[in-house]
Amino acid sequence: MQKPTFKDYLLLHLIVLIWGFTAILGDKRLVSLSSLMVVFYRTLITSIALGIWFGWAKKSLQIPKNDFWKILGTGGIIAVHWLLFFGAARVSNVSVCLVGLATTTFWTSLLEPLFHKRKFRSFQIFLGVVTFAGIFQVFRAEFHYAEGFVLGMLSALAGALFSVFNSKFIRHYDQFTITFYEMIGAFLTITLFSLIWGITGLETLKLYPTDWEWLWISILALVCTVFAYPMGVRLMKKFSVFAVNLTVNLEPVYGILLAFLIFGEKEKMSANFYVGASVILLAVFSYPILMYLSVQRKKRNQLLASTPVVEKQ
């Protein structure tokens, strides 16, 4: 592994800052489109941009048919994740949405052992209890934003689910190939949702962005998705998984700070909300540290078990 430079550290934090900015770019105060149409245009622009890149790079996109459908289906989960994510921000605000999203680590800690058929670690159960304590505090403090917080947590669940699937795909395929097919799957899924929405007549959708809305959605697709994702993968060659995961946990912190700077008093919450959010973030930051210590302890135990015992004469 190459040693990271100061510029690499800055780039890593820039990427996390960009990801924290996504909730703001899709906020109704910047983009008046429904969350359905925001995701529609985001997936459309991302798919086209990645398709152009593959054509320019002349890279093969061939994968086995069975995995093709699996990756396409995972793209559908990503569409649901984004739909819930932007929906959460619309019915509440950016801060509530991002605190709900912060539970992704908690959901991942529950899903990974189930998918990989591993036993739950004791600290995972403990952090689950701590996370729920924080969730209870947030609900109690800002119950009028309960719908947004629940949507944010469901978005986090969908995010944890596709992350677990991607951890399997990345062992066999290039990250750009996976992203391209997932974006197509996400686009097809959100198109189907849009058609159902239109047929049922639940709500009249605004179909086309204004001039400024095109700008925000394009930044959302090209900067937050097409640029940030491969840059994050490239940095994995210089940083340990532990270091990257620890830094990525700053996403809700950066997002909440940016929302307060941009939208001002409208993002200000009660003191009890920040207490609950701090408890959730404490659990989020503790998880990779405790996981790292658990792995190191397991390695030491395996090393001791494999070391022959020399009897004294």
Protein backbone atom coordinates (compact mmCIF):
# COMPACT_ATOMS: atom_id res chain seq x y z
CA MET A 1 0.00 0.00 0.00
CA GLN A 2 1.30 3.43 -0.99
CA LYS A 3 1.81 5.95 1.78
CA PRO A 4 -0.87 8.71 1.66
CA THR A 5 0.29 12.29 1.26
CA PHE A 6 -1.24 15.43 2.76
CA LYS A 7 -3.03 16.03 -0.56
CA ASP A 8 -4.57 12.55 -0.32
CA TYR A 9 -5.96 13.37 3.12
CA LEU A 10 -7.44 16.61 1.77
CA LEU A 11 -8.96 14.78 -1.22
CA LEU A 12 -10.52 12.14 1.05
CA HIS A 13 -12.18 14.81 3.19
CA LEU A 14 -13.26 16.70 0.03
CA ILE A 15 -15.03 13.58 -1.24
CA VAL A 16 -16.82 13.09 2.10
CA LEU A 17 -17.74 16.79 2.05
CA ILE A 18 -19.21 16.33 -1.45
CA TRP A 19 -21.28 13.37 -0.26
CA GLY A 20 -22.49 15.45 2.67
CA PHE A 21 -23.56 18.11 0.14
CA THR A 22 -25.96 15.78 -1.74
CA ALA A 23 -28.90 16.37 0.61
CA ILE A 24 -28.52 20.13 0.10
CA LEU A 25 -28.38 19.86 -3.71
CA GLY A 26 -31.59 17.84 -3.72
CA ASP A 27 -33.34 20.04 -1.17
CA LYS A 28 -36.69 21.56 -2.18
CA ARG A 29 -35.30 25.06 -1.48
CA LEU A 30 -32.88 24.59 -4.40
CA VAL A 31 -34.77 22.10 -6.59
CA SER A 32 -38.58 22.29 -6.65
CA LEU A 33 -38.94 18.95 -8.46
CA SER A 34 -40.28 15.98 -6.52
CA SER A 35 -37.74 13.51 -5.10
CA LEU A 36 -38.94 11.08 -7.79
CA MET A 37 -37.88 13.42 -10.62
CA VAL A 38 -34.62 14.40 -8.88
CA VAL A 39 -33.59 10.73 -8.79
CA PHE A 40 -34.85 10.25 -12.37
CA TYR A 41 -32.58 12.98 -13.75
CA ARG A 42 -29.66 12.04 -11.47
CA THR A 43 -29.64 8.43 -12.68
CA LEU A 44 -30.24 9.46 -16.31
CA ILE A 45 -27.33 11.94 -16.41
CA THR A 46 -25.02 9.57 -14.50
CA SER A 47 -25.81 6.64 -16.85
CA ILE A 48 -25.18 8.77 -19.95
CA ALA A 49 -21.92 10.20 -18.54
CA LEU A 50 -20.59 6.74 -17.60
CA GLY A 51 -21.69 5.35 -20.99
CA ILE A 52 -19.73 8.11 -22.77
CA TRP A 53 -16.70 7.40 -20.56
CA PHE A 54 -16.81 3.67 -21.38
CA GLY A 55 -17.06 4.47 -25.10
CA TRP A 56 -14.09 6.84 -24.89
CA ALA A 57 -12.00 4.41 -22.81
CA LYS A 58 -13.05 1.46 -25.05
CA LYS A 59 -13.52 -0.77 -22.01
CA SER A 60 -15.47 -4.02 -22.11
CA LEU A 61 -18.79 -4.17 -20.29
CA GLN A 62 -19.30 -7.92 -20.58
CA ILE A 63 -20.37 -9.77 -17.44
CA PRO A 64 -22.19 -13.11 -16.94
CA LYS A 65 -25.97 -12.89 -17.46
CA ASN A 66 -26.75 -14.08 -13.93
CA ASP A 67 -24.62 -11.35 -12.30
CA PHE A 68 -25.93 -8.77 -14.78
CA TRP A 69 -29.46 -9.15 -13.39
CA LYS A 70 -28.18 -9.13 -9.80
CA ILE A 71 -26.27 -5.87 -10.33
CA LEU A 72 -29.23 -4.35 -12.18
CA GLY A 73 -31.47 -5.31 -9.25
CA THR A 74 -29.02 -3.71 -6.81
CA GLY A 75 -29.39 -0.53 -8.85
CA GLY A 76 -33.10 -0.71 -8.05
CA ILE A 77 -32.25 -0.70 -4.33
CA ILE A 78 -30.04 2.37 -4.91
CA ALA A 79 -33.00 4.12 -6.58
CA VAL A 80 -35.15 3.38 -3.51
CA HIS A 81 -32.30 4.59 -1.25
CA TRP A 82 -32.07 7.94 -3.06
CA LEU A 83 -35.84 8.30 -3.30
CA LEU A 84 -36.20 7.87 0.47
CA PHE A 85 -33.16 10.09 1.10
CA PHE A 86 -34.47 13.10 -0.83
CA GLY A 87 -38.00 12.42 0.39
CA ALA A 88 -36.74 12.65 3.99
CA ALA A 89 -35.15 16.04 3.32
CA ARG A 90 -38.36 17.31 1.74
CA VAL A 91 -40.76 16.39 4.54
CA SER A 92 -38.37 17.59 7.27
CA ASN A 93 -35.01 19.28 6.63
CA VAL A 94 -31.42 18.40 5.75
CA SER A 95 -30.30 17.94 9.37
CA VAL A 96 -33.04 15.43 10.25
CA CYS A 97 -32.46 13.57 6.97
CA LEU A 98 -28.70 13.22 7.59
CA VAL A 99 -29.12 12.07 11.20
CA GLY A 100 -31.46 9.36 9.91
CA LEU A 101 -28.85 8.46 7.27
CA ALA A 102 -26.21 8.18 10.00
CA THR A 103 -27.83 4.90 11.08
CA THR A 104 -26.35 3.23 7.94
CA THR A 105 -23.46 1.85 10.00
CA PHE A 106 -25.92 0.36 12.49
CA TRP A 107 -27.93 -1.37 9.74
CA THR A 108 -24.72 -2.62 8.10
CA SER A 109 -23.56 -4.14 11.40
CA LEU A 110 -26.85 -6.13 11.46
CA LEU A 111 -26.93 -7.14 7.78
CA GLU A 112 -23.29 -8.19 7.26
CA PRO A 113 -23.33 -11.09 9.76
CA LEU A 114 -26.62 -12.32 8.26
CA PHE A 115 -25.38 -12.22 4.65
CA HIS A 116 -21.93 -13.62 5.43
CA LYS A 117 -23.30 -16.10 7.99
CA ARG A 118 -21.11 -14.83 10.83
CA LYS A 119 -21.88 -14.55 14.50
CA PHE A 120 -22.80 -11.15 15.92
CA ARG A 121 -20.05 -9.55 17.95
CA SER A 122 -20.94 -8.38 21.45
CA PHE A 123 -19.95 -4.77 20.72
CA GLN A 124 -22.37 -4.70 17.76
CA ILE A 125 -25.25 -5.48 20.10
CA PHE A 126 -24.02 -2.83 22.55
CA LEU A 127 -23.73 -0.17 19.82
CA GLY A 128 -27.20 -1.15 18.61
CA VAL A 129 -28.60 -0.33 22.05
CA VAL A 130 -26.69 2.99 22.11
CA THR A 131 -27.95 3.87 18.61
CA PHE A 132 -31.55 3.21 19.58
CA ALA A 133 -31.10 5.40 22.66
CA GLY A 134 -30.02 8.23 20.34
CA ILE A 135 -32.94 7.51 17.97
CA PHE A 136 -35.40 7.67 20.88
CA GLN A 137 -33.94 11.03 21.97
CA VAL A 138 -34.23 12.49 18.44
CA PHE A 139 -37.83 11.30 18.14
CA ARG A 140 -38.70 12.80 21.51
CA ALA A 141 -37.03 16.12 20.70
CA GLU A 142 -38.38 16.60 17.16
CA PHE A 143 -41.49 14.42 16.90
CA HIS A 144 -43.03 16.78 14.32
CA TYR A 145 -40.18 15.69 12.01
CA ALA A 146 -40.78 11.99 12.74
CA GLU A 147 -41.77 11.21 9.13
CA GLY A 148 -38.52 12.65 7.77
CA PHE A 149 -36.44 10.83 10.36
CA VAL A 150 -38.12 7.48 9.60
CA LEU A 151 -37.61 7.98 5.86
CA GLY A 152 -33.95 8.83 6.56
CA MET A 153 -33.51 5.60 8.54
CA LEU A 154 -35.22 3.54 5.82
CA SER A 155 -32.89 5.20 3.31
CA ALA A 156 -29.97 4.15 5.52
CA LEU A 157 -31.31 0.57 5.57
CA ALA A 158 -31.47 0.51 1.75
CA GLY A 159 -27.96 2.02 1.63
CA ALA A 160 -26.61 -0.66 3.96
CA LEU A 161 -28.30 -3.36 1.87
CA PHE A 162 -26.76 -2.34 -1.47
CA SER A 163 -23.38 -1.79 0.21
CA VAL A 164 -23.40 -5.43 1.39
CA PHE A 165 -24.24 -6.59 -2.16
CA ASN A 166 -21.50 -4.37 -3.62
CA SER A 167 -18.95 -5.89 -1.23
CA LYS A 168 -19.54 -9.17 -3.10
CA PHE A 169 -19.62 -7.70 -6.64
CA ILE A 170 -16.37 -5.76 -6.19
CA ARG A 171 -14.46 -9.03 -5.72
CA HIS A 172 -15.16 -9.98 -9.33
CA TYR A 173 -15.80 -6.82 -11.35
CA ASP A 174 -14.42 -3.34 -11.96
CA GLN A 175 -16.09 -0.62 -9.85
CA PHE A 176 -16.95 1.42 -12.96
CA THR A 177 -18.73 -1.55 -14.58
CA ILE A 178 -20.72 -2.17 -11.40
CA THR A 179 -21.66 1.52 -11.11
CA PHE A 180 -22.70 1.76 -14.77
CA TYR A 181 -25.09 -1.19 -14.61
CA GLU A 182 -26.39 -0.13 -11.19
CA MET A 183 -27.19 3.33 -12.53
CA ILE A 184 -29.08 1.77 -15.44
CA GLY A 185 -30.97 -0.41 -12.97
CA ALA A 186 -31.71 2.64 -10.82
CA PHE A 187 -32.89 4.62 -13.86
CA LEU A 188 -35.20 1.81 -15.03
CA THR A 189 -36.62 1.42 -11.52
CA ILE A 190 -37.30 5.12 -11.05
CA THR A 191 -38.84 5.30 -14.57
CA LEU A 192 -41.21 2.47 -13.58
CA PHE A 193 -42.10 4.31 -10.37
CA SER A 194 -42.74 7.50 -12.39
CA LEU A 195 -45.07 5.68 -14.80
CA ILE A 196 -47.02 4.08 -11.92
CA TRP A 197 -47.20 7.46 -10.21
CA GLY A 198 -48.53 9.08 -13.39
CA ILE A 199 -51.06 6.32 -14.12
CA THR A 200 -52.47 6.31 -10.59
CA GLY A 201 -52.68 10.12 -10.66
CA LEU A 202 -51.52 10.46 -7.06
CA GLU A 203 -49.89 13.78 -7.78
CA THR A 204 -49.17 15.97 -10.79
CA LEU A 205 -45.42 15.87 -11.23
CA LYS A 206 -43.36 18.79 -12.46
CA LEU A 207 -41.38 17.11 -15.23
CA TYR A 208 -38.71 19.59 -16.26
CA PRO A 209 -36.13 21.45 -14.16
CA THR A 210 -35.60 25.20 -14.51
CA ASP A 211 -32.23 26.64 -15.61
CA TRP A 212 -30.77 26.73 -12.09
CA GLU A 213 -32.28 23.35 -11.22
CA TRP A 214 -30.48 21.79 -14.19
CA LEU A 215 -27.24 23.11 -12.71
CA TRP A 216 -27.86 21.63 -9.23
CA ILE A 217 -28.99 18.26 -10.61
CA SER A 218 -26.00 18.11 -12.97
CA ILE A 219 -23.64 18.77 -10.06
CA LEU A 220 -25.47 16.07 -8.10
CA ALA A 221 -24.96 13.56 -10.91
CA LEU A 222 -21.53 14.48 -12.28
CA VAL A 223 -19.69 15.67 -9.15
CA CYS A 224 -21.35 13.73 -6.32
CA THR A 225 -21.70 10.46 -8.28
CA VAL A 226 -19.47 10.20 -11.37
CA PHE A 227 -16.48 12.05 -9.83
CA ALA A 228 -16.64 11.28 -6.10
CA TYR A 229 -17.24 7.53 -6.33
CA PRO A 230 -14.18 6.54 -8.45
CA MET A 231 -11.99 8.99 -6.54
CA GLY A 232 -13.04 7.32 -3.30
CA VAL A 233 -12.18 3.91 -4.75
CA ARG A 234 -8.78 5.15 -5.95
CA LEU A 235 -7.92 6.38 -2.46
CA MET A 236 -8.52 2.86 -1.12
CA LYS A 237 -5.11 2.05 -2.61
CA LYS A 238 -3.48 4.49 -0.18
CA PHE A 239 -5.70 4.33 2.89
CA SER A 240 -6.77 1.38 4.97
CA VAL A 241 -10.47 0.44 4.97
CA PHE A 242 -10.53 1.53 8.62
CA ALA A 243 -9.25 5.03 7.81
CA VAL A 244 -11.71 5.49 4.92
CA ASN A 245 -14.74 4.26 6.90
CA LEU A 246 -13.83 6.46 9.85
CA THR A 247 -13.63 9.53 7.59
CA VAL A 248 -16.84 8.69 5.70
CA ASN A 249 -18.66 8.79 9.04
CA LEU A 250 -18.10 12.55 8.96
CA GLU A 251 -20.62 12.85 6.09
CA PRO A 252 -23.63 13.74 8.29
CA VAL A 253 -21.47 16.14 10.34
CA TYR A 254 -20.27 17.99 7.23
CA GLY A 255 -23.78 17.95 5.74
CA ILE A 256 -25.44 19.41 8.86
CA LEU A 257 -22.79 22.15 9.12
CA LEU A 258 -23.15 23.01 5.41
CA ALA A 259 -26.96 23.10 5.70
CA PHE A 260 -26.74 25.49 8.65
CA LEU A 261 -24.30 27.75 6.76
CA ILE A 262 -26.45 27.80 3.61
CA PHE A 263 -30.00 27.77 5.00
CA GLY A 264 -29.31 29.43 8.35
CA GLU A 265 -31.91 29.46 11.13
CA LYS A 266 -34.26 27.14 9.20
CA GLU A 267 -31.85 24.29 9.98
CA LYS A 268 -31.50 25.13 13.66
CA MET A 269 -32.84 22.38 15.91
CA SER A 270 -33.49 21.98 19.63
CA ALA A 271 -30.68 21.15 22.08
CA ASN A 272 -32.21 17.70 22.74
CA PHE A 273 -32.06 16.90 19.02
CA TYR A 274 -28.31 17.51 18.98
CA VAL A 275 -27.91 15.37 22.11
CA GLY A 276 -29.64 12.47 20.36
CA ALA A 277 -27.70 13.09 17.14
CA SER A 278 -24.42 13.11 19.11
CA VAL A 279 -25.28 9.74 20.69
CA ILE A 280 -25.96 8.25 17.24
CA LEU A 281 -22.73 9.72 15.83
CA LEU A 282 -20.79 8.43 18.85
CA ALA A 283 -21.99 4.91 18.03
CA VAL A 284 -21.18 5.46 14.33
CA PHE A 285 -17.60 6.56 15.05
CA SER A 286 -17.09 3.83 17.65
CA TYR A 287 -18.07 1.02 15.26
CA PRO A 288 -15.00 1.00 12.95
CA ILE A 289 -12.68 1.47 15.95
CA LEU A 290 -14.19 -1.48 17.84
CA MET A 291 -14.25 -3.55 14.64
CA TYR A 292 -10.56 -2.82 14.07
CA LEU A 293 -9.69 -3.78 17.66
CA SER A 294 -11.78 -6.97 17.35
CA VAL A 295 -9.96 -8.01 14.16
CA GLN A 296 -6.57 -7.29 15.72
CA ARG A 297 -7.45 -9.32 18.83
CA LYS A 298 -8.57 -12.23 16.65
CA LYS A 299 -5.26 -12.12 14.72
CA ARG A 300 -3.29 -12.14 17.97
CA ASN A 301 -5.27 -15.11 19.28
CA GLN A 302 -4.72 -17.01 16.04
CA LEU A 303 -1.00 -16.25 16.18
CA LEU A 304 -0.76 -17.45 19.79
CA ALA A 305 -2.72 -20.59 18.95
CA SER A 306 -0.39 -21.41 16.04
CA THR A 307 2.82 -20.79 18.06
CA PRO A 308 4.25 -24.11 19.35
CA VAL A 309 4.69 -24.38 23.11
CA VAL A 310 8.24 -25.23 24.13
CA GLU A 311 8.32 -27.31 27.28
CA LYS A 312 10.97 -26.53 29.84
CA GLN A 313 13.44 -29.34 30.61
